[in-house]
Amino acid sequence: ANRWLIWGAPKQEITQLAGQINADMIVVGSHGRHGLALLLGSTANA
């Protein structure tokens, strides 16, 4: 019941699901990108 496989944009789907299930913490991995990669954004940053 706590497994979610969703199609869509990660930023939107992860944050929306967190609200729906009343999560009070989201855990994501981050590569800590710099320069152009940072400007383009990452899922963790979003």
PDB file of all heavy atoms in Angstrom:
ATOM      1  N   ALA A   1       0.817  -1.217   0.000  1.00  0.00           N
ATOM      2  CA  ALA A   1       0.000   0.000   0.000  1.00  0.00           C
ATOM      3  C   ALA A   1       0.849   1.266   0.000  1.00  0.00           C
ATOM      4  O   ALA A   1       0.330   2.353  -0.272  1.00  0.00           O
ATOM      5  CB  ALA A   1      -0.932   0.006   1.210  1.00  0.00           C
ATOM      6  N   ASN A   2       2.151   1.139   0.279  1.00  0.00           N
ATOM      7  CA  ASN A   2       3.038   2.299   0.351  1.00  0.00           C
ATOM      8  C   ASN A   2       4.010   2.364  -0.822  1.00  0.00           C
ATOM      9  O   ASN A   2       5.057   2.994  -0.724  1.00  0.00           O
ATOM     10  CB  ASN A   2       3.831   2.280   1.657  1.00  0.00           C
ATOM     11  CG  ASN A   2       2.956   2.522   2.862  1.00  0.00           C
ATOM     12  OD1 ASN A   2       1.740   2.576   2.764  1.00  0.00           O
ATOM     13  ND2 ASN A   2       3.570   2.665   4.006  1.00  0.00           N
ATOM     14  N   ARG A   3       3.648   1.700  -1.913  1.00  0.00           N
ATOM     15  CA  ARG A   3       4.487   1.690  -3.118  1.00  0.00           C
ATOM     16  C   ARG A   3       3.781   2.466  -4.216  1.00  0.00           C
ATOM     17  O   ARG A   3       2.626   2.196  -4.526  1.00  0.00           O
ATOM     18  CB  ARG A   3       4.735   0.256  -3.585  1.00  0.00           C
ATOM     19  CG  ARG A   3       5.458  -0.589  -2.575  1.00  0.00           C
ATOM     20  CD  ARG A   3       5.634  -2.005  -3.066  1.00  0.00           C
ATOM     21  NE  ARG A   3       6.230  -2.834  -2.023  1.00  0.00           N
ATOM     22  CZ  ARG A   3       6.732  -4.041  -2.241  1.00  0.00           C
ATOM     23  NH1 ARG A   3       6.716  -4.566  -3.451  1.00  0.00           N
ATOM     24  NH2 ARG A   3       7.257  -4.722  -1.232  1.00  0.00           N
ATOM     25  N   TRP A   4       4.513   3.411  -4.803  1.00  0.00           N
ATOM     26  CA  TRP A   4       3.923   4.278  -5.819  1.00  0.00           C
ATOM     27  C   TRP A   4       4.820   4.338  -7.039  1.00  0.00           C
ATOM     28  O   TRP A   4       5.959   4.798  -6.961  1.00  0.00           O
ATOM     29  CB  TRP A   4       3.734   5.689  -5.262  1.00  0.00           C
ATOM     30  CG  TRP A   4       2.916   5.704  -4.022  1.00  0.00           C
ATOM     31  CD1 TRP A   4       3.372   5.619  -2.732  1.00  0.00           C
ATOM     32  CD2 TRP A   4       1.496   5.769  -3.935  1.00  0.00           C
ATOM     33  NE1 TRP A   4       2.312   5.635  -1.862  1.00  0.00           N
ATOM     34  CE2 TRP A   4       1.156   5.735  -2.570  1.00  0.00           C
ATOM     35  CE3 TRP A   4       0.476   5.871  -4.887  1.00  0.00           C
ATOM     36  CZ2 TRP A   4      -0.159   5.787  -2.128  1.00  0.00           C
ATOM     37  CZ3 TRP A   4      -0.818   5.935  -4.450  1.00  0.00           C
ATOM     38  CH2 TRP A   4      -1.127   5.892  -3.086  1.00  0.00           C
ATOM     39  N   LEU A   5       4.318   3.891  -8.168  1.00  0.00           N
ATOM     40  CA  LEU A   5       4.991   3.999  -9.451  1.00  0.00           C
ATOM     41  C   LEU A   5       4.113   4.921 -10.281  1.00  0.00           C
ATOM     42  O   LEU A   5       2.954   4.588 -10.572  1.00  0.00           O
ATOM     43  CB  LEU A   5       5.123   2.614 -10.094  1.00  0.00           C
ATOM     44  CG  LEU A   5       5.989   2.489 -11.334  1.00  0.00           C
ATOM     45  CD1 LEU A   5       7.423   2.895 -11.042  1.00  0.00           C
ATOM     46  CD2 LEU A   5       5.947   1.063 -11.870  1.00  0.00           C
ATOM     47  N   ILE A   6       4.641   6.085 -10.620  1.00  0.00           N
ATOM     48  CA  ILE A   6       3.831   7.136 -11.235  1.00  0.00           C
ATOM     49  C   ILE A   6       4.523   7.631 -12.493  1.00  0.00           C
ATOM     50  O   ILE A   6       5.744   7.806 -12.520  1.00  0.00           O
ATOM     51  CB  ILE A   6       3.636   8.323 -10.251  1.00  0.00           C
ATOM     52  CG1 ILE A   6       3.011   7.832  -8.944  1.00  0.00           C
ATOM     53  CG2 ILE A   6       2.807   9.430 -10.880  1.00  0.00           C
ATOM     54  CD1 ILE A   6       2.967   8.880  -7.844  1.00  0.00           C
ATOM     55  N   TRP A   7       3.748   7.909 -13.527  1.00  0.00           N
ATOM     56  CA  TRP A   7       4.298   8.499 -14.738  1.00  0.00           C
ATOM     57  C   TRP A   7       4.140  10.012 -14.644  1.00  0.00           C
ATOM     58  O   TRP A   7       3.083  10.503 -14.258  1.00  0.00           O
ATOM     59  CB  TRP A   7       3.573   7.977 -15.983  1.00  0.00           C
ATOM     60  CG  TRP A   7       4.268   8.414 -17.219  1.00  0.00           C
ATOM     61  CD1 TRP A   7       5.260   7.752 -17.882  1.00  0.00           C
ATOM     62  CD2 TRP A   7       4.065   9.629 -17.928  1.00  0.00           C
ATOM     63  NE1 TRP A   7       5.689   8.485 -18.948  1.00  0.00           N
ATOM     64  CE2 TRP A   7       4.968   9.642 -19.005  1.00  0.00           C
ATOM     65  CE3 TRP A   7       3.227  10.719 -17.760  1.00  0.00           C
ATOM     66  CZ2 TRP A   7       5.054  10.697 -19.917  1.00  0.00           C
ATOM     67  CZ3 TRP A   7       3.300  11.765 -18.662  1.00  0.00           C
ATOM     68  CH2 TRP A   7       4.204  11.746 -19.728  1.00  0.00           C
ATOM     69  N   GLY A   8       5.182  10.762 -14.992  1.00  0.00           N
ATOM     70  CA  GLY A   8       5.066  12.218 -15.006  1.00  0.00           C
ATOM     71  C   GLY A   8       6.386  12.908 -14.767  1.00  0.00           C
ATOM     72  O   GLY A   8       7.459  12.345 -14.967  1.00  0.00           O
ATOM     73  N   ALA A   9       6.300  14.169 -14.321  1.00  0.00           N
ATOM     74  CA  ALA A   9       7.478  14.983 -14.006  1.00  0.00           C
ATOM     75  C   ALA A   9       7.849  14.735 -12.544  1.00  0.00           C
ATOM     76  O   ALA A   9       7.017  14.942 -11.661  1.00  0.00           O
ATOM     77  CB  ALA A   9       7.173  16.451 -14.244  1.00  0.00           C
ATOM     78  N   PRO A  10       9.073  14.293 -12.275  1.00  0.00           N
ATOM     79  CA  PRO A  10       9.450  13.929 -10.907  1.00  0.00           C
ATOM     80  C   PRO A  10       9.143  14.999  -9.858  1.00  0.00           C
ATOM     81  O   PRO A  10       8.551  14.691  -8.825  1.00  0.00           O
ATOM     82  CB  PRO A  10      10.950  13.658 -11.016  1.00  0.00           C
ATOM     83  CG  PRO A  10      11.122  13.176 -12.423  1.00  0.00           C
ATOM     84  CD  PRO A  10      10.153  14.002 -13.223  1.00  0.00           C
ATOM     85  N   LYS A  11       9.550  16.229 -10.091  1.00  0.00           N
ATOM     86  CA  LYS A  11       9.321  17.294  -9.096  1.00  0.00           C
ATOM     87  C   LYS A  11       7.853  17.370  -8.715  1.00  0.00           C
ATOM     88  O   LYS A  11       7.495  17.366  -7.545  1.00  0.00           O
ATOM     89  CB  LYS A  11       9.776  18.639  -9.662  1.00  0.00           C
ATOM     90  CG  LYS A  11       9.299  19.834  -8.852  1.00  0.00           C
ATOM     91  CD  LYS A  11       9.550  21.145  -9.569  1.00  0.00           C
ATOM     92  CE  LYS A  11       8.508  21.377 -10.627  1.00  0.00           C
ATOM     93  NZ  LYS A  11       8.597  22.671 -11.283  1.00  0.00           N
ATOM     94  N   GLN A  12       7.014  17.416  -9.707  1.00  0.00           N
ATOM     95  CA  GLN A  12       5.577  17.564  -9.478  1.00  0.00           C
ATOM     96  C   GLN A  12       4.991  16.337  -8.804  1.00  0.00           C
ATOM     97  O   GLN A  12       4.254  16.441  -7.820  1.00  0.00           O
ATOM     98  CB  GLN A  12       4.863  17.826 -10.800  1.00  0.00           C
ATOM     99  CG  GLN A  12       3.368  17.947 -10.683  1.00  0.00           C
ATOM    100  CD  GLN A  12       2.718  18.181 -12.041  1.00  0.00           C
ATOM    101  OE1 GLN A  12       3.368  18.583 -12.997  1.00  0.00           O
ATOM    102  NE2 GLN A  12       1.441  17.902 -12.111  1.00  0.00           N
ATOM    103  N   GLU A  13       5.297  15.170  -9.301  1.00  0.00           N
ATOM    104  CA  GLU A  13       4.694  13.940  -8.786  1.00  0.00           C
ATOM    105  C   GLU A  13       5.164  13.621  -7.366  1.00  0.00           C
ATOM    106  O   GLU A  13       4.372  13.199  -6.525  1.00  0.00           O
ATOM    107  CB  GLU A  13       4.964  12.766  -9.725  1.00  0.00           C
ATOM    108  CG  GLU A  13       4.406  12.937 -11.127  1.00  0.00           C
ATOM    109  CD  GLU A  13       2.896  13.116 -11.183  1.00  0.00           C
ATOM    110  OE1 GLU A  13       2.185  12.682 -10.245  1.00  0.00           O
ATOM    111  OE2 GLU A  13       2.407  13.690 -12.167  1.00  0.00           O
ATOM    112  N   ILE A  14       6.455  13.816  -7.084  1.00  0.00           N
ATOM    113  CA  ILE A  14       6.981  13.506  -5.746  1.00  0.00           C
ATOM    114  C   ILE A  14       6.372  14.440  -4.709  1.00  0.00           C
ATOM    115  O   ILE A  14       5.895  13.989  -3.661  1.00  0.00           O
ATOM    116  CB  ILE A  14       8.523  13.589  -5.732  1.00  0.00           C
ATOM    117  CG1 ILE A  14       9.111  12.461  -6.591  1.00  0.00           C
ATOM    118  CG2 ILE A  14       9.051  13.511  -4.297  1.00  0.00           C
ATOM    119  CD1 ILE A  14      10.591  12.632  -6.905  1.00  0.00           C
ATOM    120  N   THR A  15       6.370  15.724  -4.994  1.00  0.00           N
ATOM    121  CA  THR A  15       5.839  16.680  -4.014  1.00  0.00           C
ATOM    122  C   THR A  15       4.327  16.535  -3.847  1.00  0.00           C
ATOM    123  O   THR A  15       3.806  16.653  -2.739  1.00  0.00           O
ATOM    124  CB  THR A  15       6.211  18.134  -4.372  1.00  0.00           C
ATOM    125  OG1 THR A  15       5.751  18.436  -5.694  1.00  0.00           O
ATOM    126  CG2 THR A  15       7.717  18.346  -4.300  1.00  0.00           C
ATOM    127  N   GLN A  16       3.634  16.257  -4.941  1.00  0.00           N
ATOM    128  CA  GLN A  16       2.181  16.062  -4.855  1.00  0.00           C
ATOM    129  C   GLN A  16       1.848  14.806  -4.049  1.00  0.00           C
ATOM    130  O   GLN A  16       0.967  14.825  -3.184  1.00  0.00           O
ATOM    131  CB  GLN A  16       1.585  15.965  -6.257  1.00  0.00           C
ATOM    132  CG  GLN A  16       0.082  15.886  -6.278  1.00  0.00           C
ATOM    133  CD  GLN A  16      -0.457  15.921  -7.704  1.00  0.00           C
ATOM    134  OE1 GLN A  16       0.236  15.647  -8.675  1.00  0.00           O
ATOM    135  NE2 GLN A  16      -1.724  16.257  -7.826  1.00  0.00           N
ATOM    136  N   LEU A  17       2.562  13.713  -4.298  1.00  0.00           N
ATOM    137  CA  LEU A  17       2.326  12.480  -3.556  1.00  0.00           C
ATOM    138  C   LEU A  17       2.626  12.679  -2.072  1.00  0.00           C
ATOM    139  O   LEU A  17       1.863  12.208  -1.217  1.00  0.00           O
ATOM    140  CB  LEU A  17       3.166  11.334  -4.115  1.00  0.00           C
ATOM    141  CG  LEU A  17       3.062  10.007  -3.365  1.00  0.00           C
ATOM    142  CD1 LEU A  17       1.622   9.469  -3.385  1.00  0.00           C
ATOM    143  CD2 LEU A  17       4.034   8.987  -3.931  1.00  0.00           C
ATOM    144  N   ALA A  18       3.701  13.371  -1.758  1.00  0.00           N
ATOM    145  CA  ALA A  18       4.043  13.624  -0.349  1.00  0.00           C
ATOM    146  C   ALA A  18       2.883  14.297   0.366  1.00  0.00           C
ATOM    147  O   ALA A  18       2.547  13.934   1.494  1.00  0.00           O
ATOM    148  CB  ALA A  18       5.309  14.473  -0.251  1.00  0.00           C
ATOM    149  N   GLY A  19       2.247  15.243  -0.297  1.00  0.00           N
ATOM    150  CA  GLY A  19       1.084  15.906   0.298  1.00  0.00           C
ATOM    151  C   GLY A  19      -0.102  14.970   0.445  1.00  0.00           C
ATOM    152  O   GLY A  19      -0.785  14.981   1.471  1.00  0.00           O
ATOM    153  N   GLN A  20      -0.349  14.144  -0.561  1.00  0.00           N
ATOM    154  CA  GLN A  20      -1.491  13.228  -0.539  1.00  0.00           C
ATOM    155  C   GLN A  20      -1.386  12.198   0.579  1.00  0.00           C
ATOM    156  O   GLN A  20      -2.382  11.831   1.185  1.00  0.00           O
ATOM    157  CB  GLN A  20      -1.621  12.501  -1.878  1.00  0.00           C
ATOM    158  CG  GLN A  20      -2.118  13.363  -2.999  1.00  0.00           C
ATOM    159  CD  GLN A  20      -2.062  12.615  -4.339  1.00  0.00           C
ATOM    160  OE1 GLN A  20      -1.529  11.521  -4.455  1.00  0.00           O
ATOM    161  NE2 GLN A  20      -2.603  13.246  -5.374  1.00  0.00           N
ATOM    162  N   ILE A  21      -0.186  11.721   0.840  1.00  0.00           N
ATOM    163  CA  ILE A  21      -0.016  10.661   1.843  1.00  0.00           C
ATOM    164  C   ILE A  21       0.422  11.226   3.201  1.00  0.00           C
ATOM    165  O   ILE A  21       0.739  10.472   4.108  1.00  0.00           O
ATOM    166  CB  ILE A  21       0.971   9.571   1.368  1.00  0.00           C
ATOM    167  CG1 ILE A  21       2.383  10.130   1.210  1.00  0.00           C
ATOM    168  CG2 ILE A  21       0.470   8.907   0.091  1.00  0.00           C
ATOM    169  CD1 ILE A  21       3.440   9.078   0.910  1.00  0.00           C
ATOM    170  N   ASN A  22       0.467  12.551   3.302  1.00  0.00           N
ATOM    171  CA  ASN A  22       0.865  13.233   4.541  1.00  0.00           C
ATOM    172  C   ASN A  22       2.270  12.857   5.001  1.00  0.00           C
ATOM    173  O   ASN A  22       2.517  12.671   6.194  1.00  0.00           O
ATOM    174  CB  ASN A  22      -0.145  12.985   5.665  1.00  0.00           C
ATOM    175  CG  ASN A  22      -1.486  13.585   5.344  1.00  0.00           C
ATOM    176  OD1 ASN A  22      -1.570  14.724   4.885  1.00  0.00           O
ATOM    177  ND2 ASN A  22      -2.542  12.823   5.558  1.00  0.00           N
ATOM    178  N   ALA A  23       3.189  12.747   4.049  1.00  0.00           N
ATOM    179  CA  ALA A  23       4.588  12.505   4.402  1.00  0.00           C
ATOM    180  C   ALA A  23       5.150  13.772   5.037  1.00  0.00           C
ATOM    181  O   ALA A  23       4.860  14.878   4.586  1.00  0.00           O
ATOM    182  CB  ALA A  23       5.393  12.130   3.164  1.00  0.00           C
ATOM    183  N   ASP A  24       5.930  13.607   6.080  1.00  0.00           N
ATOM    184  CA  ASP A  24       6.546  14.773   6.702  1.00  0.00           C
ATOM    185  C   ASP A  24       8.050  14.828   6.425  1.00  0.00           C
ATOM    186  O   ASP A  24       8.754  15.713   6.920  1.00  0.00           O
ATOM    187  CB  ASP A  24       6.253  14.842   8.197  1.00  0.00           C
ATOM    188  CG  ASP A  24       6.492  13.550   8.941  1.00  0.00           C
ATOM    189  OD1 ASP A  24       7.034  12.593   8.347  1.00  0.00           O
ATOM    190  OD2 ASP A  24       6.132  13.486  10.121  1.00  0.00           O
ATOM    191  N   MET A  25       8.540  13.912   5.584  1.00  0.00           N
ATOM    192  CA  MET A  25       9.936  13.920   5.140  1.00  0.00           C
ATOM    193  C   MET A  25      10.008  13.237   3.784  1.00  0.00           C
ATOM    194  O   MET A  25       9.396  12.178   3.583  1.00  0.00           O
ATOM    195  CB  MET A  25      10.815  13.171   6.145  1.00  0.00           C
ATOM    196  CG  MET A  25      12.197  12.762   5.647  1.00  0.00           C
ATOM    197  SD  MET A  25      13.352  14.085   5.387  1.00  0.00           S
ATOM    198  CE  MET A  25      13.844  14.417   7.068  1.00  0.00           C
ATOM    199  N   ILE A  26      10.746  13.848   2.863  1.00  0.00           N
ATOM    200  CA  ILE A  26      11.046  13.237   1.567  1.00  0.00           C
ATOM    201  C   ILE A  26      12.547  13.008   1.535  1.00  0.00           C
ATOM    202  O   ILE A  26      13.322  13.904   1.885  1.00  0.00           O
ATOM    203  CB  ILE A  26      10.640  14.154   0.384  1.00  0.00           C
ATOM    204  CG1 ILE A  26       9.149  14.455   0.407  1.00  0.00           C
ATOM    205  CG2 ILE A  26      11.059  13.514  -0.947  1.00  0.00           C
ATOM    206  CD1 ILE A  26       8.718  15.520  -0.600  1.00  0.00           C
ATOM    207  N   VAL A  27      12.972  11.820   1.124  1.00  0.00           N
ATOM    208  CA  VAL A  27      14.392  11.504   0.987  1.00  0.00           C
ATOM    209  C   VAL A  27      14.690  11.292  -0.488  1.00  0.00           C
ATOM    210  O   VAL A  27      14.029  10.486  -1.156  1.00  0.00           O
ATOM    211  CB  VAL A  27      14.773  10.236   1.797  1.00  0.00           C
ATOM    212  CG1 VAL A  27      16.243   9.902   1.598  1.00  0.00           C
ATOM    213  CG2 VAL A  27      14.458  10.428   3.276  1.00  0.00           C
ATOM    214  N   VAL A  28      15.679  12.054  -1.002  1.00  0.00           N
ATOM    215  CA  VAL A  28      16.097  11.955  -2.403  1.00  0.00           C
ATOM    216  C   VAL A  28      17.619  11.944  -2.461  1.00  0.00           C
ATOM    217  O   VAL A  28      18.287  12.411  -1.546  1.00  0.00           O
ATOM    218  CB  VAL A  28      15.570  13.141  -3.257  1.00  0.00           C
ATOM    219  CG1 VAL A  28      14.078  13.117  -3.382  1.00  0.00           C
ATOM    220  CG2 VAL A  28      16.052  14.474  -2.723  1.00  0.00           C
ATOM    221  N   GLY A  29      18.156  11.453  -3.552  1.00  0.00           N
ATOM    222  CA  GLY A  29      19.596  11.512  -3.787  1.00  0.00           C
ATOM    223  C   GLY A  29      19.933  12.783  -4.543  1.00  0.00           C
ATOM    224  O   GLY A  29      19.142  13.272  -5.335  1.00  0.00           O
ATOM    225  N   SER A  30      21.142  13.309  -4.293  1.00  0.00           N
ATOM    226  CA  SER A  30      21.574  14.529  -4.972  1.00  0.00           C
ATOM    227  C   SER A  30      23.046  14.408  -5.348  1.00  0.00           C
ATOM    228  O   SER A  30      23.875  14.019  -4.538  1.00  0.00           O
ATOM    229  CB  SER A  30      21.386  15.742  -4.057  1.00  0.00           C
ATOM    230  OG  SER A  30      21.935  16.893  -4.663  1.00  0.00           O
ATOM    231  N   HIS A  31      23.342  14.772  -6.577  1.00  0.00           N
ATOM    232  CA  HIS A  31      24.728  14.761  -7.041  1.00  0.00           C
ATOM    233  C   HIS A  31      25.423  16.089  -6.779  1.00  0.00           C
ATOM    234  O   HIS A  31      26.610  16.221  -7.019  1.00  0.00           O
ATOM    235  CB  HIS A  31      24.801  14.435  -8.533  1.00  0.00           C
ATOM    236  CG  HIS A  31      24.497  13.008  -8.823  1.00  0.00           C
ATOM    237  ND1 HIS A  31      25.419  12.006  -8.685  1.00  0.00           N
ATOM    238  CD2 HIS A  31      23.356  12.403  -9.221  1.00  0.00           C
ATOM    239  CE1 HIS A  31      24.870  10.850  -8.994  1.00  0.00           C
ATOM    240  NE2 HIS A  31      23.614  11.054  -9.311  1.00  0.00           N
ATOM    241  N   GLY A  32      24.683  17.113  -6.317  1.00  0.00           N
ATOM    242  CA  GLY A  32      25.293  18.406  -6.024  1.00  0.00           C
ATOM    243  C   GLY A  32      25.927  19.032  -7.242  1.00  0.00           C
ATOM    244  O   GLY A  32      27.055  19.499  -7.214  1.00  0.00           O
ATOM    245  N   ARG A  33      25.237  19.020  -8.342  1.00  0.00           N
ATOM    246  CA  ARG A  33      25.764  19.533  -9.597  1.00  0.00           C
ATOM    247  C   ARG A  33      26.116  21.018  -9.508  1.00  0.00           C
ATOM    248  O   ARG A  33      25.565  21.756  -8.715  1.00  0.00           O
ATOM    249  CB  ARG A  33      24.735  19.333 -10.708  1.00  0.00           C
ATOM    250  CG  ARG A  33      24.280  17.899 -10.849  1.00  0.00           C
ATOM    251  CD  ARG A  33      24.843  17.276 -12.091  1.00  0.00           C
ATOM    252  NE  ARG A  33      24.238  15.978 -12.319  1.00  0.00           N
ATOM    253  CZ  ARG A  33      24.893  14.844 -12.196  1.00  0.00           C
ATOM    254  NH1 ARG A  33      26.123  14.837 -11.829  1.00  0.00           N
ATOM    255  NH2 ARG A  33      24.308  13.702 -12.444  1.00  0.00           N
ATOM    256  N   HIS A  34      27.008  21.422 -10.369  1.00  0.00           N
ATOM    257  CA  HIS A  34      27.431  22.821 -10.425  1.00  0.00           C
ATOM    258  C   HIS A  34      27.312  23.308 -11.864  1.00  0.00           C
ATOM    259  O   HIS A  34      27.128  22.523 -12.785  1.00  0.00           O
ATOM    260  CB  HIS A  34      28.886  22.961  -9.956  1.00  0.00           C
ATOM    261  CG  HIS A  34      29.083  22.465  -8.560  1.00  0.00           C
ATOM    262  ND1 HIS A  34      28.679  23.165  -7.461  1.00  0.00           N
ATOM    263  CD2 HIS A  34      29.627  21.324  -8.084  1.00  0.00           C
ATOM    264  CE1 HIS A  34      28.972  22.503  -6.372  1.00  0.00           C
ATOM    265  NE2 HIS A  34      29.546  21.367  -6.715  1.00  0.00           N
ATOM    266  N   GLY A  35      27.417  24.585 -12.061  1.00  0.00           N
ATOM    267  CA  GLY A  35      27.451  25.163 -13.395  1.00  0.00           C
ATOM    268  C   GLY A  35      26.172  24.933 -14.172  1.00  0.00           C
ATOM    269  O   GLY A  35      25.069  25.106 -13.659  1.00  0.00           O
ATOM    270  N   LEU A  36      26.326  24.514 -15.438  1.00  0.00           N
ATOM    271  CA  LEU A  36      25.190  24.359 -16.338  1.00  0.00           C
ATOM    272  C   LEU A  36      24.191  23.333 -15.810  1.00  0.00           C
ATOM    273  O   LEU A  36      22.983  23.538 -15.879  1.00  0.00           O
ATOM    274  CB  LEU A  36      25.670  23.953 -17.736  1.00  0.00           C
ATOM    275  CG  LEU A  36      24.610  23.843 -18.823  1.00  0.00           C
ATOM    276  CD1 LEU A  36      23.882  25.176 -18.988  1.00  0.00           C
ATOM    277  CD2 LEU A  36      25.232  23.415 -20.133  1.00  0.00           C
ATOM    278  N   ALA A  37      24.678  22.238 -15.232  1.00  0.00           N
ATOM    279  CA  ALA A  37      23.774  21.215 -14.697  1.00  0.00           C
ATOM    280  C   ALA A  37      22.911  21.787 -13.587  1.00  0.00           C
ATOM    281  O   ALA A  37      21.740  21.445 -13.457  1.00  0.00           O
ATOM    282  CB  ALA A  37      24.566  20.014 -14.191  1.00  0.00           C
ATOM    283  N   LEU A  38      23.487  22.677 -12.771  1.00  0.00           N
ATOM    284  CA  LEU A  38      22.717  23.302 -11.693  1.00  0.00           C
ATOM    285  C   LEU A  38      21.657  24.238 -12.275  1.00  0.00           C
ATOM    286  O   LEU A  38      20.526  24.279 -11.820  1.00  0.00           O
ATOM    287  CB  LEU A  38      23.643  24.064 -10.748  1.00  0.00           C
ATOM    288  CG  LEU A  38      22.970  24.777  -9.579  1.00  0.00           C
ATOM    289  CD1 LEU A  38      22.241  23.760  -8.699  1.00  0.00           C
ATOM    290  CD2 LEU A  38      23.978  25.548  -8.766  1.00  0.00           C
ATOM    291  N   LEU A  39      22.033  25.007 -13.300  1.00  0.00           N
ATOM    292  CA  LEU A  39      21.079  25.929 -13.924  1.00  0.00           C
ATOM    293  C   LEU A  39      19.909  25.183 -14.554  1.00  0.00           C
ATOM    294  O   LEU A  39      18.782  25.652 -14.532  1.00  0.00           O
ATOM    295  CB  LEU A  39      21.778  26.776 -15.000  1.00  0.00           C
ATOM    296  CG  LEU A  39      22.766  27.810 -14.473  1.00  0.00           C
ATOM    297  CD1 LEU A  39      23.478  28.477 -15.642  1.00  0.00           C
ATOM    298  CD2 LEU A  39      22.060  28.844 -13.617  1.00  0.00           C
ATOM    299  N   LEU A  40      20.194  24.025 -15.125  1.00  0.00           N
ATOM    300  CA  LEU A  40      19.137  23.231 -15.747  1.00  0.00           C
ATOM    301  C   LEU A  40      18.258  22.565 -14.698  1.00  0.00           C
ATOM    302  O   LEU A  40      17.160  22.141 -14.998  1.00  0.00           O
ATOM    303  CB  LEU A  40      19.742  22.176 -16.677  1.00  0.00           C
ATOM    304  CG  LEU A  40      20.470  22.725 -17.892  1.00  0.00           C
ATOM    305  CD1 LEU A  40      21.132  21.594 -18.658  1.00  0.00           C
ATOM    306  CD2 LEU A  40      19.539  23.520 -18.787  1.00  0.00           C
ATOM    307  N   GLY A  41      18.778  22.456 -13.488  1.00  0.00           N
ATOM    308  CA  GLY A  41      17.986  21.901 -12.397  1.00  0.00           C
ATOM    309  C   GLY A  41      18.176  20.413 -12.220  1.00  0.00           C
ATOM    310  O   GLY A  41      18.692  19.732 -13.075  1.00  0.00           O
ATOM    311  N   SER A  42      17.776  19.956 -11.066  1.00  0.00           N
ATOM    312  CA  SER A  42      17.819  18.535 -10.763  1.00  0.00           C
ATOM    313  C   SER A  42      16.556  18.199  -9.993  1.00  0.00           C
ATOM    314  O   SER A  42      15.895  19.088  -9.448  1.00  0.00           O
ATOM    315  CB  SER A  42      19.047  18.202  -9.917  1.00  0.00           C
ATOM    316  OG  SER A  42      18.896  18.736  -8.619  1.00  0.00           O
ATOM    317  N   THR A  43      16.240  16.924  -9.933  1.00  0.00           N
ATOM    318  CA  THR A  43      15.060  16.500  -9.194  1.00  0.00           C
ATOM    319  C   THR A  43      15.182  16.873  -7.723  1.00  0.00           C
ATOM    320  O   THR A  43      14.251  17.412  -7.136  1.00  0.00           O
ATOM    321  CB  THR A  43      14.852  14.980  -9.357  1.00  0.00           C
ATOM    322  OG1 THR A  43      14.641  14.700 -10.739  1.00  0.00           O
ATOM    323  CG2 THR A  43      13.665  14.505  -8.554  1.00  0.00           C
ATOM    324  N   ALA A  44      16.338  16.616  -7.121  1.00  0.00           N
ATOM    325  CA  ALA A  44      16.509  16.924  -5.696  1.00  0.00           C
ATOM    326  C   ALA A  44      16.315  18.416  -5.435  1.00  0.00           C
ATOM    327  O   ALA A  44      15.637  18.800  -4.478  1.00  0.00           O
ATOM    328  CB  ALA A  44      17.890  16.475  -5.227  1.00  0.00           C
ATOM    329  N   ASN A  45      16.900  19.254  -6.267  1.00  0.00           N
ATOM    330  CA  ASN A  45      16.773  20.701  -6.098  1.00  0.00           C
ATOM    331  C   ASN A  45      15.319  21.137  -6.243  1.00  0.00           C
ATOM    332  O   ASN A  45      14.809  21.944  -5.458  1.00  0.00           O
ATOM    333  CB  ASN A  45      17.662  21.421  -7.114  1.00  0.00           C
ATOM    334  CG  ASN A  45      17.707  22.903  -6.877  1.00  0.00           C
ATOM    335  OD1 ASN A  45      17.857  23.358  -5.753  1.00  0.00           O
ATOM    336  ND2 ASN A  45      17.570  23.669  -7.947  1.00  0.00           N
ATOM    337  N   ALA A  46      14.639  20.602  -7.231  1.00  0.00           N
ATOM    338  CA  ALA A  46      13.242  20.971  -7.457  1.00  0.00           C
ATOM    339  C   ALA A  46      12.359  20.518  -6.296  1.00  0.00           C
ATOM    340  O   ALA A  46      11.502  21.277  -5.832  1.00  0.00           O
ATOM    341  CB  ALA A  46      12.747  20.362  -8.774  1.00  0.00           C
TER     342      ALA A  46
END
